[in-house]
C-alpha cells in the first residue's frame, strides 16, 4: 500500500483520528493478533505519515477505511493549524489608542 501523507520534513501529525463503531463487525474476521497489527499500523501512520506494508492482503483491505479516516483527520488538523497561524499574524496598520 502506497500514498504516504508525509510530504516533507515539516510533517506534523494530527493528534487523533476517529474510529467507527461499524469497524467492529468488519474486524471480527481478523485474529486478535491481526487487529493489534492493524491498530499499531494505524497509530504509526497517524504519527509518521508512512503507509504500512502488510504481508496479509486482508490487513491491506482492512486498513483502507482507517487510512481514509486518518487522512481526513490530518487534512482537518492541518487546516485548523494554518488558520491558527493566520489568526496570530498582524493585520493592516497599527491602531493608536486614545490617551
Protein backbone atom coordinates (compact mmCIF):
# COMPACT_ATOMS: atom_id res chain seq x y z
CA UNK A 1 0.00 0.00 0.00
CA UNK A 2 1.47 3.36 -1.03
CA UNK A 3 0.41 7.02 -0.85
CA UNK A 4 2.16 8.37 2.20
CA UNK A 5 0.67 11.54 3.68
CA UNK A 6 4.08 12.70 4.82
CA UNK A 7 5.18 15.11 2.10
CA UNK A 8 8.17 16.74 3.74
CA UNK A 9 10.28 17.01 6.87
CA UNK A 10 7.79 19.51 8.31
CA UNK A 11 5.07 16.87 8.71
CA UNK A 12 3.15 17.50 11.91
CA UNK A 13 0.75 14.65 12.68
CA UNK A 14 -2.80 15.08 13.85
CA UNK A 15 -3.23 14.14 17.49
CA UNK A 16 -6.13 11.73 16.93
CA UNK A 17 -8.40 10.09 14.40
CA UNK A 18 -12.00 8.95 14.85
CA UNK A 19 -12.92 5.30 14.86
CA UNK A 20 -16.17 3.91 13.56
CA UNK A 21 -18.34 1.52 15.55
CA UNK A 22 -19.10 -0.35 12.35
CA UNK A 23 -15.46 -1.41 12.17
CA UNK A 24 -16.13 -3.92 14.94
CA UNK A 25 -18.16 -6.18 12.67
CA UNK A 26 -15.55 -5.85 9.93
CA UNK A 27 -12.70 -6.69 12.30
CA UNK A 28 -14.32 -9.88 13.62
CA UNK A 29 -12.89 -11.79 10.66
CA UNK A 30 -9.37 -10.95 11.85
CA UNK A 31 -7.49 -12.63 14.67
CA UNK A 32 -6.73 -10.57 17.77
CA UNK A 33 -3.09 -10.58 16.66
CA UNK A 34 -4.01 -9.11 13.27
CA UNK A 35 -6.26 -6.48 14.86
CA UNK A 36 -3.30 -5.49 17.04
CA UNK A 37 -1.06 -5.23 13.98
CA UNK A 38 -3.70 -3.12 12.25
CA UNK A 39 -4.07 -0.79 15.25
CA UNK A 40 -0.30 -0.37 15.62
CA UNK A 41 -0.03 0.33 11.89
CA UNK A 42 -2.79 2.94 12.16
CA UNK A 43 -1.01 4.72 15.00
CA UNK A 44 2.27 4.59 13.11
CA UNK A 45 0.58 6.02 10.00
CA UNK A 46 -1.02 8.76 12.10
CA UNK A 47 2.29 9.74 13.69
CA UNK A 48 4.65 9.30 10.76
CA UNK A 49 2.53 9.56 7.63
CA UNK A 50 4.23 6.44 6.28
CA UNK A 51 1.80 3.88 4.89
CA UNK A 52 2.26 0.36 6.26
CA UNK A 53 3.15 -2.63 4.12
CA UNK A 54 1.31 -5.73 5.25
CA UNK A 55 2.14 -9.27 4.21
CA UNK A 56 -1.55 -10.11 4.61
CA UNK A 57 -3.93 -8.89 1.88
CA UNK A 58 -6.81 -8.94 4.35
CA UNK A 59 -4.96 -6.41 6.52
CA UNK A 60 -4.36 -4.25 3.45
CA UNK A 61 -8.08 -4.31 2.78
CA UNK A 62 -8.99 -3.62 6.43
CA UNK A 63 -6.61 -0.65 6.53
CA UNK A 64 -8.38 1.23 3.69
CA UNK A 65 -11.18 2.83 5.80
CA UNK A 66 -8.75 3.52 8.64
CA UNK A 67 -6.38 5.25 6.24
CA UNK A 68 -9.25 7.38 4.92
CA UNK A 69 -10.17 8.49 8.46
CA UNK A 70 -6.57 9.34 9.29
CA UNK A 71 -6.15 11.35 6.10
CA UNK A 72 -9.40 13.25 6.74
CA UNK A 73 -8.25 13.98 10.31
CA UNK A 74 -4.84 15.09 9.05
CA UNK A 75 -6.45 17.41 6.50
CA UNK A 76 -8.72 18.97 9.14
CA UNK A 77 -5.82 19.29 11.61
CA UNK A 78 -3.63 20.99 9.01
CA UNK A 79 -6.40 23.41 8.02
CA UNK A 80 -7.03 24.29 11.66
CA UNK A 81 -3.31 24.77 12.32
CA UNK A 82 -2.92 27.01 9.26
CA UNK A 83 -5.96 29.02 10.34
CA UNK A 84 -4.38 29.49 13.75
CA UNK A 85 -1.19 30.75 12.16
CA UNK A 86 -3.16 33.31 10.16
CA UNK A 87 -5.01 34.38 13.29
CA UNK A 88 -1.73 35.14 15.01
CA UNK A 89 -0.40 37.35 12.24
CA UNK A 90 -0.59 41.13 12.43
CA UNK A 91 -3.23 42.72 10.26
CA UNK A 92 -3.16 46.04 8.46
CA UNK A 93 -1.82 49.16 10.08
CA UNK A 94 -1.40 49.64 13.78
CA UNK A 95 -4.24 51.16 15.74
CA UNK A 96 -3.43 54.05 18.01
CA UNK A 97 -5.04 54.03 21.39
CA UNK A 98 -6.56 57.18 22.82
CA UNK A 99 -4.84 58.53 25.88
